[in-house]
Amino acid sequence: MKIWTKIHITDKNKDIDTISNSLTNYLYGYGPILDIARKYKIDNKDLIQLNQYTKNRIAGLLMLYLAKDNKRINDIVNKYNFDLDDKNMIVPEIEGYINKESK
């Protein structure tokens, strides 16, 4: 079992909580999660728990990124690199991104 040391961020101006909250809202705000919650009658308490879990995971990744801990980021990528549905191609979705196709 790996034992990881604590991360120390030197730049105190980084607001991990705000960024994690904003990214969670970006991920779930207008996506299918609300439709899924209605369809399966998922309680609001469970949605709050899911949001908190997501915020915590994003905050952890941000801390690793800011600490420039690429080894631990790579460890996470390698551990969770499995396909549950390999038939769908991943298409990056970025707010404000415009796909300029050649005409």
PDB file of N, CA and C in Angstrom:
ATOM      1  N   MET A   1       0.837  -1.179   0.000  1.00  0.00           N
ATOM      2  CA  MET A   1       0.000   0.000   0.000  1.00  0.00           C
ATOM      3  C   MET A   1       0.883   1.243   0.000  1.00  0.00           C
ATOM      4  N   LYS A   2       0.519   2.192  -0.847  1.00  0.00           N
ATOM      5  CA  LYS A   2       1.280   3.438  -0.904  1.00  0.00           C
ATOM      6  C   LYS A   2       0.871   4.360   0.230  1.00  0.00           C
ATOM      7  N   ILE A   3       1.826   5.045   0.776  1.00  0.00           N
ATOM      8  CA  ILE A   3       1.556   6.061   1.782  1.00  0.00           C
ATOM      9  C   ILE A   3       1.993   7.394   1.190  1.00  0.00           C
ATOM     10  N   TRP A   4       1.049   8.291   1.057  1.00  0.00           N
ATOM     11  CA  TRP A   4       1.345   9.585   0.453  1.00  0.00           C
ATOM     12  C   TRP A   4       1.542  10.627   1.527  1.00  0.00           C
ATOM     13  N   THR A   5       2.466  11.520   1.260  1.00  0.00           N
ATOM     14  CA  THR A   5       2.705  12.598   2.207  1.00  0.00           C
ATOM     15  C   THR A   5       1.699  13.718   1.967  1.00  0.00           C
ATOM     16  N   LYS A   6       1.598  14.606   2.919  1.00  0.00           N
ATOM     17  CA  LYS A   6       0.673  15.732   2.783  1.00  0.00           C
ATOM     18  C   LYS A   6       1.179  16.700   1.723  1.00  0.00           C
ATOM     19  N   ILE A   7       0.249  17.369   1.094  1.00  0.00           N
ATOM     20  CA  ILE A   7       0.571  18.339   0.049  1.00  0.00           C
ATOM     21  C   ILE A   7       0.595  19.730   0.675  1.00  0.00           C
ATOM     22  N   HIS A   8       1.576  20.498   0.291  1.00  0.00           N
ATOM     23  CA  HIS A   8       1.664  21.880   0.761  1.00  0.00           C
ATOM     24  C   HIS A   8       1.619  22.803  -0.444  1.00  0.00           C
ATOM     25  N   ILE A   9       0.622  23.670  -0.476  1.00  0.00           N
ATOM     26  CA  ILE A   9       0.499  24.629  -1.563  1.00  0.00           C
ATOM     27  C   ILE A   9       1.155  25.923  -1.113  1.00  0.00           C
ATOM     28  N   THR A  10       2.103  26.396  -1.901  1.00  0.00           N
ATOM     29  CA  THR A  10       2.827  27.605  -1.504  1.00  0.00           C
ATOM     30  C   THR A  10       2.055  28.873  -1.850  1.00  0.00           C
ATOM     31  N   ASP A  11       1.239  28.828  -2.899  1.00  0.00           N
ATOM     32  CA  ASP A  11       0.501  30.009  -3.309  1.00  0.00           C
ATOM     33  C   ASP A  11      -0.821  30.062  -2.553  1.00  0.00           C
ATOM     34  N   LYS A  12      -0.936  30.943  -1.596  1.00  0.00           N
ATOM     35  CA  LYS A  12      -2.135  31.035  -0.754  1.00  0.00           C
ATOM     36  C   LYS A  12      -3.312  31.682  -1.491  1.00  0.00           C
ATOM     37  N   ASN A  13      -3.081  32.228  -2.690  1.00  0.00           N
ATOM     38  CA  ASN A  13      -4.156  32.879  -3.421  1.00  0.00           C
ATOM     39  C   ASN A  13      -5.050  31.897  -4.173  1.00  0.00           C
ATOM     40  N   LYS A  14      -4.688  30.637  -4.175  1.00  0.00           N
ATOM     41  CA  LYS A  14      -5.488  29.637  -4.877  1.00  0.00           C
ATOM     42  C   LYS A  14      -6.687  29.278  -4.007  1.00  0.00           C
ATOM     43  N   ASP A  15      -7.888  29.482  -4.529  1.00  0.00           N
ATOM     44  CA  ASP A  15      -9.100  29.196  -3.770  1.00  0.00           C
ATOM     45  C   ASP A  15      -9.678  27.867  -4.239  1.00  0.00           C
ATOM     46  N   ILE A  16      -9.195  26.788  -3.673  1.00  0.00           N
ATOM     47  CA  ILE A  16      -9.579  25.441  -4.060  1.00  0.00           C
ATOM     48  C   ILE A  16     -11.081  25.219  -3.882  1.00  0.00           C
ATOM     49  N   ASP A  17     -11.645  25.722  -2.787  1.00  0.00           N
ATOM     50  CA  ASP A  17     -13.074  25.508  -2.526  1.00  0.00           C
ATOM     51  C   ASP A  17     -13.945  26.123  -3.621  1.00  0.00           C
ATOM     52  N   THR A  18     -13.650  27.361  -3.987  1.00  0.00           N
ATOM     53  CA  THR A  18     -14.441  28.038  -5.017  1.00  0.00           C
ATOM     54  C   THR A  18     -14.316  27.344  -6.364  1.00  0.00           C
ATOM     55  N   ILE A  19     -13.102  26.966  -6.709  1.00  0.00           N
ATOM     56  CA  ILE A  19     -12.876  26.305  -7.996  1.00  0.00           C
ATOM     57  C   ILE A  19     -13.579  24.950  -8.020  1.00  0.00           C
ATOM     58  N   SER A  20     -13.467  24.176  -6.951  1.00  0.00           N
ATOM     59  CA  SER A  20     -14.107  22.865  -6.876  1.00  0.00           C
ATOM     60  C   SER A  20     -15.624  22.985  -6.969  1.00  0.00           C
ATOM     61  N   ASN A  21     -16.172  23.954  -6.265  1.00  0.00           N
ATOM     62  CA  ASN A  21     -17.615  24.187  -6.308  1.00  0.00           C
ATOM     63  C   ASN A  21     -18.058  24.581  -7.716  1.00  0.00           C
ATOM     64  N   SER A  22     -17.330  25.501  -8.330  1.00  0.00           N
ATOM     65  CA  SER A  22     -17.687  25.968  -9.674  1.00  0.00           C
ATOM     66  C   SER A  22     -17.599  24.849 -10.703  1.00  0.00           C
ATOM     67  N   LEU A  23     -16.540  24.039 -10.624  1.00  0.00           N
ATOM     68  CA  LEU A  23     -16.392  22.941 -11.581  1.00  0.00           C
ATOM     69  C   LEU A  23     -17.465  21.876 -11.380  1.00  0.00           C
ATOM     70  N   THR A  24     -17.851  21.622 -10.140  1.00  0.00           N
ATOM     71  CA  THR A  24     -18.938  20.669  -9.889  1.00  0.00           C
ATOM     72  C   THR A  24     -20.238  21.188 -10.484  1.00  0.00           C
ATOM     73  N   ASN A  25     -20.521  22.454 -10.284  1.00  0.00           N
ATOM     74  CA  ASN A  25     -21.716  23.048 -10.888  1.00  0.00           C
ATOM     75  C   ASN A  25     -21.642  23.001 -12.410  1.00  0.00           C
ATOM     76  N   TYR A  26     -20.458  23.225 -12.965  1.00  0.00           N
ATOM     77  CA  TYR A  26     -20.266  23.151 -14.414  1.00  0.00           C
ATOM     78  C   TYR A  26     -20.531  21.734 -14.922  1.00  0.00           C
ATOM     79  N   LEU A  27     -20.061  20.733 -14.174  1.00  0.00           N
ATOM     80  CA  LEU A  27     -20.244  19.346 -14.589  1.00  0.00           C
ATOM     81  C   LEU A  27     -21.710  18.911 -14.516  1.00  0.00           C
ATOM     82  N   TYR A  28     -22.402  19.302 -13.445  1.00  0.00           N
ATOM     83  CA  TYR A  28     -23.754  18.809 -13.218  1.00  0.00           C
ATOM     84  C   TYR A  28     -24.859  19.812 -13.502  1.00  0.00           C
ATOM     85  N   GLY A  29     -24.513  21.084 -13.636  1.00  0.00           N
ATOM     86  CA  GLY A  29     -25.521  22.135 -13.715  1.00  0.00           C
ATOM     87  C   GLY A  29     -26.570  21.966 -14.794  1.00  0.00           C
ATOM     88  N   TYR A  30     -26.162  21.667 -15.999  1.00  0.00           N
ATOM     89  CA  TYR A  30     -27.120  21.575 -17.101  1.00  0.00           C
ATOM     90  C   TYR A  30     -27.062  20.203 -17.772  1.00  0.00           C
ATOM     91  N   GLY A  31     -26.465  19.259 -17.107  1.00  0.00           N
ATOM     92  CA  GLY A  31     -26.320  17.930 -17.687  1.00  0.00           C
ATOM     93  C   GLY A  31     -27.498  17.034 -17.360  1.00  0.00           C
ATOM     94  N   PRO A  32     -27.348  15.777 -17.645  1.00  0.00           N
ATOM     95  CA  PRO A  32     -28.450  14.831 -17.460  1.00  0.00           C
ATOM     96  C   PRO A  32     -28.687  14.403 -16.013  1.00  0.00           C
ATOM     97  N   ILE A  33     -27.867  14.878 -15.071  1.00  0.00           N
ATOM     98  CA  ILE A  33     -28.002  14.411 -13.691  1.00  0.00           C
ATOM     99  C   ILE A  33     -29.373  14.740 -13.103  1.00  0.00           C
ATOM    100  N   LEU A  34     -29.929  15.904 -13.420  1.00  0.00           N
ATOM    101  CA  LEU A  34     -31.248  16.261 -12.880  1.00  0.00           C
ATOM    102  C   LEU A  34     -32.342  15.396 -13.491  1.00  0.00           C
ATOM    103  N   ASP A  35     -32.228  15.096 -14.774  1.00  0.00           N
ATOM    104  CA  ASP A  35     -33.192  14.203 -15.416  1.00  0.00           C
ATOM    105  C   ASP A  35     -33.116  12.802 -14.806  1.00  0.00           C
ATOM    106  N   ILE A  36     -31.903  12.343 -14.558  1.00  0.00           N
ATOM    107  CA  ILE A  36     -31.711  11.026 -13.941  1.00  0.00           C
ATOM    108  C   ILE A  36     -32.298  11.031 -12.532  1.00  0.00           C
ATOM    109  N   ALA A  37     -32.075  12.109 -11.786  1.00  0.00           N
ATOM    110  CA  ALA A  37     -32.588  12.203 -10.415  1.00  0.00           C
ATOM    111  C   ALA A  37     -34.116  12.155 -10.410  1.00  0.00           C
ATOM    112  N   ARG A  38     -34.753  12.851 -11.346  1.00  0.00           N
ATOM    113  CA  ARG A  38     -36.213  12.823 -11.431  1.00  0.00           C
ATOM    114  C   ARG A  38     -36.714  11.441 -11.840  1.00  0.00           C
ATOM    115  N   LYS A  39     -36.064  10.867 -12.841  1.00  0.00           N
ATOM    116  CA  LYS A  39     -36.492   9.576 -13.377  1.00  0.00           C
ATOM    117  C   LYS A  39     -36.449   8.485 -12.307  1.00  0.00           C
ATOM    118  N   TYR A  40     -35.379   8.460 -11.526  1.00  0.00           N
ATOM    119  CA  TYR A  40     -35.203   7.417 -10.518  1.00  0.00           C
ATOM    120  C   TYR A  40     -35.557   7.877  -9.108  1.00  0.00           C
ATOM    121  N   LYS A  41     -36.179   9.065  -9.025  1.00  0.00           N
ATOM    122  CA  LYS A  41     -36.624   9.617  -7.748  1.00  0.00           C
ATOM    123  C   LYS A  41     -35.494   9.643  -6.710  1.00  0.00           C
ATOM    124  N   ILE A  42     -34.354  10.182  -7.142  1.00  0.00           N
ATOM    125  CA  ILE A  42     -33.205  10.305  -6.247  1.00  0.00           C
ATOM    126  C   ILE A  42     -33.441  11.494  -5.325  1.00  0.00           C
ATOM    127  N   ASP A  43     -33.293  11.259  -4.059  1.00  0.00           N
ATOM    128  CA  ASP A  43     -33.543  12.265  -3.039  1.00  0.00           C
ATOM    129  C   ASP A  43     -32.538  13.411  -3.146  1.00  0.00           C
ATOM    130  N   ASN A  44     -32.973  14.619  -2.799  1.00  0.00           N
ATOM    131  CA  ASN A  44     -32.102  15.794  -2.829  1.00  0.00           C
ATOM    132  C   ASN A  44     -30.893  15.609  -1.913  1.00  0.00           C
ATOM    133  N   LYS A  45     -31.092  14.908  -0.793  1.00  0.00           N
ATOM    134  CA  LYS A  45     -29.998  14.631   0.146  1.00  0.00           C
ATOM    135  C   LYS A  45     -28.903  13.814  -0.550  1.00  0.00           C
ATOM    136  N   ASP A  46     -29.306  12.859  -1.386  1.00  0.00           N
ATOM    137  CA  ASP A  46     -28.336  12.052  -2.118  1.00  0.00           C
ATOM    138  C   ASP A  46     -27.613  12.870  -3.183  1.00  0.00           C
ATOM    139  N   LEU A  47     -28.317  13.803  -3.818  1.00  0.00           N
ATOM    140  CA  LEU A  47     -27.668  14.684  -4.792  1.00  0.00           C
ATOM    141  C   LEU A  47     -26.643  15.583  -4.115  1.00  0.00           C
ATOM    142  N   ILE A  48     -26.969  16.062  -2.942  1.00  0.00           N
ATOM    143  CA  ILE A  48     -26.026  16.882  -2.178  1.00  0.00           C
ATOM    144  C   ILE A  48     -24.783  16.064  -1.827  1.00  0.00           C
ATOM    145  N   GLN A  49     -24.993  14.807  -1.441  1.00  0.00           N
ATOM    146  CA  GLN A  49     -23.870  13.925  -1.125  1.00  0.00           C
ATOM    147  C   GLN A  49     -23.008  13.682  -2.365  1.00  0.00           C
ATOM    148  N   LEU A  50     -23.636  13.486  -3.526  1.00  0.00           N
ATOM    149  CA  LEU A  50     -22.896  13.299  -4.775  1.00  0.00           C
ATOM    150  C   LEU A  50     -22.090  14.547  -5.119  1.00  0.00           C
ATOM    151  N   ASN A  51     -22.710  15.720  -4.976  1.00  0.00           N
ATOM    152  CA  ASN A  51     -21.999  16.975  -5.242  1.00  0.00           C
ATOM    153  C   ASN A  51     -20.810  17.145  -4.314  1.00  0.00           C
ATOM    154  N   GLN A  52     -20.979  16.820  -3.030  1.00  0.00           N
ATOM    155  CA  GLN A  52     -19.874  16.965  -2.078  1.00  0.00           C
ATOM    156  C   GLN A  52     -18.737  16.017  -2.425  1.00  0.00           C
ATOM    157  N   TYR A  53     -19.077  14.785  -2.783  1.00  0.00           N
ATOM    158  CA  TYR A  53     -18.075  13.804  -3.188  1.00  0.00           C
ATOM    159  C   TYR A  53     -17.279  14.322  -4.388  1.00  0.00           C
ATOM    160  N   THR A  54     -18.000  14.873  -5.371  1.00  0.00           N
ATOM    161  CA  THR A  54     -17.353  15.402  -6.577  1.00  0.00           C
ATOM    162  C   THR A  54     -16.465  16.593  -6.240  1.00  0.00           C
ATOM    163  N   LYS A  55     -16.949  17.489  -5.400  1.00  0.00           N
ATOM    164  CA  LYS A  55     -16.145  18.650  -4.990  1.00  0.00           C
ATOM    165  C   LYS A  55     -14.858  18.207  -4.296  1.00  0.00           C
ATOM    166  N   ASN A  56     -14.971  17.206  -3.430  1.00  0.00           N
ATOM    167  CA  ASN A  56     -13.791  16.718  -2.714  1.00  0.00           C
ATOM    168  C   ASN A  56     -12.776  16.115  -3.675  1.00  0.00           C
ATOM    169  N   ARG A  57     -13.251  15.343  -4.655  1.00  0.00           N
ATOM    170  CA  ARG A  57     -12.347  14.727  -5.622  1.00  0.00           C
ATOM    171  C   ARG A  57     -11.676  15.793  -6.496  1.00  0.00           C
ATOM    172  N   ILE A  58     -12.438  16.767  -6.941  1.00  0.00           N
ATOM    173  CA  ILE A  58     -11.871  17.845  -7.756  1.00  0.00           C
ATOM    174  C   ILE A  58     -10.844  18.626  -6.945  1.00  0.00           C
ATOM    175  N   ALA A  59     -11.163  18.919  -5.691  1.00  0.00           N
ATOM    176  CA  ALA A  59     -10.229  19.651  -4.828  1.00  0.00           C
ATOM    177  C   ALA A  59      -8.921  18.875  -4.672  1.00  0.00           C
ATOM    178  N   GLY A  60      -9.015  17.570  -4.504  1.00  0.00           N
ATOM    179  CA  GLY A  60      -7.814  16.750  -4.382  1.00  0.00           C
ATOM    180  C   GLY A  60      -6.968  16.804  -5.642  1.00  0.00           C
ATOM    181  N   LEU A  61      -7.618  16.705  -6.801  1.00  0.00           N
ATOM    182  CA  LEU A  61      -6.878  16.785  -8.065  1.00  0.00           C
ATOM    183  C   LEU A  61      -6.243  18.157  -8.256  1.00  0.00           C
ATOM    184  N   LEU A  62      -6.976  19.210  -7.882  1.00  0.00           N
ATOM    185  CA  LEU A  62      -6.417  20.564  -7.992  1.00  0.00           C
ATOM    186  C   LEU A  62      -5.192  20.727  -7.092  1.00  0.00           C
ATOM    187  N   MET A  63      -5.280  20.181  -5.894  1.00  0.00           N
ATOM    188  CA  MET A  63      -4.136  20.279  -4.984  1.00  0.00           C
ATOM    189  C   MET A  63      -2.924  19.544  -5.546  1.00  0.00           C
ATOM    190  N   LEU A  64      -3.147  18.370  -6.120  1.00  0.00           N
ATOM    191  CA  LEU A  64      -2.044  17.645  -6.747  1.00  0.00           C
ATOM    192  C   LEU A  64      -1.463  18.431  -7.913  1.00  0.00           C
ATOM    193  N   TYR A  65      -2.349  19.027  -8.715  1.00  0.00           N
ATOM    194  CA  TYR A  65      -1.899  19.811  -9.873  1.00  0.00           C
ATOM    195  C   TYR A  65      -1.081  21.026  -9.417  1.00  0.00           C
ATOM    196  N   LEU A  66      -1.594  21.746  -8.441  1.00  0.00           N
ATOM    197  CA  LEU A  66      -0.896  22.943  -7.960  1.00  0.00           C
ATOM    198  C   LEU A  66       0.430  22.594  -7.286  1.00  0.00           C
ATOM    199  N   ALA A  67       0.486  21.417  -6.680  1.00  0.00           N
ATOM    200  CA  ALA A  67       1.722  20.968  -6.047  1.00  0.00           C
ATOM    201  C   ALA A  67       2.675  20.346  -7.070  1.00  0.00           C
ATOM    202  N   LYS A  68       2.230  20.302  -8.321  1.00  0.00           N
ATOM    203  CA  LYS A  68       3.017  19.714  -9.411  1.00  0.00           C
ATOM    204  C   LYS A  68       3.402  18.256  -9.097  1.00  0.00           C
ATOM    205  N   ASP A  69       2.470  17.544  -8.496  1.00  0.00           N
ATOM    206  CA  ASP A  69       2.699  16.145  -8.133  1.00  0.00           C
ATOM    207  C   ASP A  69       2.193  15.243  -9.258  1.00  0.00           C
ATOM    208  N   ASN A  70       2.921  15.254 -10.369  1.00  0.00           N
ATOM    209  CA  ASN A  70       2.517  14.494 -11.549  1.00  0.00           C
ATOM    210  C   ASN A  70       2.523  12.991 -11.312  1.00  0.00           C
ATOM    211  N   LYS A  71       3.382  12.527 -10.445  1.00  0.00           N
ATOM    212  CA  LYS A  71       3.450  11.093 -10.168  1.00  0.00           C
ATOM    213  C   LYS A  71       2.126  10.595  -9.588  1.00  0.00           C
ATOM    214  N   ARG A  72       1.589  11.312  -8.618  1.00  0.00           N
ATOM    215  CA  ARG A  72       0.334  10.891  -7.997  1.00  0.00           C
ATOM    216  C   ARG A  72      -0.840  11.064  -8.946  1.00  0.00           C
ATOM    217  N   ILE A  73      -0.809  12.097  -9.790  1.00  0.00           N
ATOM    218  CA  ILE A  73      -1.854  12.251 -10.806  1.00  0.00           C
ATOM    219  C   ILE A  73      -1.803  11.077 -11.773  1.00  0.00           C
ATOM    220  N   ASN A  74      -0.611  10.707 -12.203  1.00  0.00           N
ATOM    221  CA  ASN A  74      -0.462   9.550 -13.098  1.00  0.00           C
ATOM    222  C   ASN A  74      -0.914   8.257 -12.425  1.00  0.00           C
ATOM    223  N   ASP A  75      -0.629   8.112 -11.131  1.00  0.00           N
ATOM    224  CA  ASP A  75      -1.101   6.939 -10.397  1.00  0.00           C
ATOM    225  C   ASP A  75      -2.628   6.842 -10.440  1.00  0.00           C
ATOM    226  N   ILE A  76      -3.293   7.972 -10.249  1.00  0.00           N
ATOM    227  CA  ILE A  76      -4.764   8.002 -10.283  1.00  0.00           C
ATOM    228  C   ILE A  76      -5.268   7.650 -11.674  1.00  0.00           C
ATOM    229  N   VAL A  77      -4.650   8.240 -12.696  1.00  0.00           N
ATOM    230  CA  VAL A  77      -5.056   7.956 -14.079  1.00  0.00           C
ATOM    231  C   VAL A  77      -4.890   6.474 -14.390  1.00  0.00           C
ATOM    232  N   ASN A  78      -3.772   5.900 -14.005  1.00  0.00           N
ATOM    233  CA  ASN A  78      -3.535   4.482 -14.269  1.00  0.00           C
ATOM    234  C   ASN A  78      -4.504   3.585 -13.499  1.00  0.00           C
ATOM    235  N   LYS A  79      -4.803   3.934 -12.274  1.00  0.00           N
ATOM    236  CA  LYS A  79      -5.700   3.119 -11.453  1.00  0.00           C
ATOM    237  C   LYS A  79      -7.126   3.129 -11.996  1.00  0.00           C
ATOM    238  N   TYR A  80      -7.583   4.274 -12.484  1.00  0.00           N
ATOM    239  CA  TYR A  80      -8.981   4.414 -12.902  1.00  0.00           C
ATOM    240  C   TYR A  80      -9.158   4.411 -14.410  1.00  0.00           C
ATOM    241  N   ASN A  81      -8.174   3.970 -15.155  1.00  0.00           N
ATOM    242  CA  ASN A  81      -8.267   3.944 -16.611  1.00  0.00           C
ATOM    243  C   ASN A  81      -8.914   2.633 -17.058  1.00  0.00           C
ATOM    244  N   PHE A  82     -10.229   2.569 -16.920  1.00  0.00           N
ATOM    245  CA  PHE A  82     -10.968   1.410 -17.399  1.00  0.00           C
ATOM    246  C   PHE A  82     -12.213   1.909 -18.112  1.00  0.00           C
ATOM    247  N   ASP A  83     -12.637   1.170 -19.097  1.00  0.00           N
ATOM    248  CA  ASP A  83     -13.795   1.556 -19.898  1.00  0.00           C
ATOM    249  C   ASP A  83     -15.021   0.780 -19.454  1.00  0.00           C
ATOM    250  N   LEU A  84     -16.046   1.520 -19.093  1.00  0.00           N
ATOM    251  CA  LEU A  84     -17.323   0.882 -18.812  1.00  0.00           C
ATOM    252  C   LEU A  84     -18.139   0.785 -20.093  1.00  0.00           C
ATOM    253  N   ASP A  85     -17.902   1.715 -20.991  1.00  0.00           N
ATOM    254  CA  ASP A  85     -18.597   1.715 -22.274  1.00  0.00           C
ATOM    255  C   ASP A  85     -17.611   2.233 -23.308  1.00  0.00           C
ATOM    256  N   ASP A  86     -16.889   1.330 -23.951  1.00  0.00           N
ATOM    257  CA  ASP A  86     -15.839   1.731 -24.875  1.00  0.00           C
ATOM    258  C   ASP A  86     -16.348   2.021 -26.283  1.00  0.00           C
ATOM    259  N   LYS A  87     -17.662   2.015 -26.472  1.00  0.00           N
ATOM    260  CA  LYS A  87     -18.220   2.271 -27.804  1.00  0.00           C
ATOM    261  C   LYS A  87     -18.344   3.768 -28.102  1.00  0.00           C
ATOM    262  N   ASN A  88     -18.392   4.574 -27.071  1.00  0.00           N
ATOM    263  CA  ASN A  88     -18.558   6.017 -27.267  1.00  0.00           C
ATOM    264  C   ASN A  88     -17.215   6.723 -27.278  1.00  0.00           C
ATOM    265  N   MET A  89     -17.007   7.550 -28.296  1.00  0.00           N
ATOM    266  CA  MET A  89     -15.790   8.340 -28.387  1.00  0.00           C
ATOM    267  C   MET A  89     -15.910   9.553 -27.464  1.00  0.00           C
ATOM    268  N   ILE A  90     -14.852   9.897 -26.787  1.00  0.00           N
ATOM    269  CA  ILE A  90     -14.857  11.065 -25.907  1.00  0.00           C
ATOM    270  C   ILE A  90     -14.668  12.311 -26.757  1.00  0.00           C
ATOM    271  N   VAL A  91     -15.599  13.251 -26.606  1.00  0.00           N
ATOM    272  CA  VAL A  91     -15.534  14.516 -27.323  1.00  0.00           C
ATOM    273  C   VAL A  91     -15.416  15.616 -26.273  1.00  0.00           C
ATOM    274  N   PRO A  92     -14.280  16.317 -26.230  1.00  0.00           N
ATOM    275  CA  PRO A  92     -14.123  17.366 -25.224  1.00  0.00           C
ATOM    276  C   PRO A  92     -15.227  18.415 -25.326  1.00  0.00           C
ATOM    277  N   GLU A  93     -15.820  18.712 -24.188  1.00  0.00           N
ATOM    278  CA  GLU A  93     -16.865  19.723 -24.125  1.00  0.00           C
ATOM    279  C   GLU A  93     -16.361  20.832 -23.225  1.00  0.00           C
ATOM    280  N   ILE A  94     -16.155  21.991 -23.821  1.00  0.00           N
ATOM    281  CA  ILE A  94     -15.621  23.129 -23.087  1.00  0.00           C
ATOM    282  C   ILE A  94     -16.533  24.310 -23.343  1.00  0.00           C
ATOM    283  N   GLU A  95     -16.989  24.929 -22.275  1.00  0.00           N
ATOM    284  CA  GLU A  95     -17.877  26.076 -22.428  1.00  0.00           C
ATOM    285  C   GLU A  95     -17.173  27.172 -23.206  1.00  0.00           C
ATOM    286  N   GLY A  96     -17.833  27.688 -24.204  1.00  0.00           N
ATOM    287  CA  GLY A  96     -17.252  28.734 -25.031  1.00  0.00           C
ATOM    288  C   GLY A  96     -16.445  28.193 -26.191  1.00  0.00           C
ATOM    289  N   TYR A  97     -16.242  26.876 -26.228  1.00  0.00           N
ATOM    290  CA  TYR A  97     -15.467  26.259 -27.314  1.00  0.00           C
ATOM    291  C   TYR A  97     -16.314  26.212 -28.567  1.00  0.00           C
ATOM    292  N   ILE A  98     -15.739  26.611 -29.668  1.00  0.00           N
ATOM    293  CA  ILE A  98     -16.420  26.580 -30.961  1.00  0.00           C
ATOM    294  C   ILE A  98     -15.650  25.657 -31.874  1.00  0.00           C
ATOM    295  N   ASN A  99     -16.323  24.667 -32.396  1.00  0.00           N
ATOM    296  CA  ASN A  99     -15.693  23.726 -33.319  1.00  0.00           C
ATOM    297  C   ASN A  99     -15.712  24.355 -34.709  1.00  0.00           C
ATOM    298  N   LYS A 100     -14.556  24.764 -35.188  1.00  0.00           N
ATOM    299  CA  LYS A 100     -14.463  25.372 -36.507  1.00  0.00           C
ATOM    300  C   LYS A 100     -14.108  24.306 -37.522  1.00  0.00           C
ATOM    301  N   GLU A 101     -15.133  23.819 -38.189  1.00  0.00           N
ATOM    302  CA  GLU A 101     -14.907  22.805 -39.213  1.00  0.00           C
ATOM    303  C   GLU A 101     -14.566  23.484 -40.518  1.00  0.00           C
ATOM    304  N   SER A 102     -13.723  22.822 -41.315  1.00  0.00           N
ATOM    305  CA  SER A 102     -13.389  23.382 -42.616  1.00  0.00           C
ATOM    306  C   SER A 102     -14.600  23.282 -43.526  1.00  0.00           C
ATOM    307  N   LYS A 103     -14.817  24.338 -44.300  1.00  0.00           N
ATOM    308  CA  LYS A 103     -16.001  24.357 -45.177  1.00  0.00           C
ATOM    309  C   LYS A 103     -15.613  24.094 -46.596  1.00  0.00           C
TER     310      LYS A 103
END
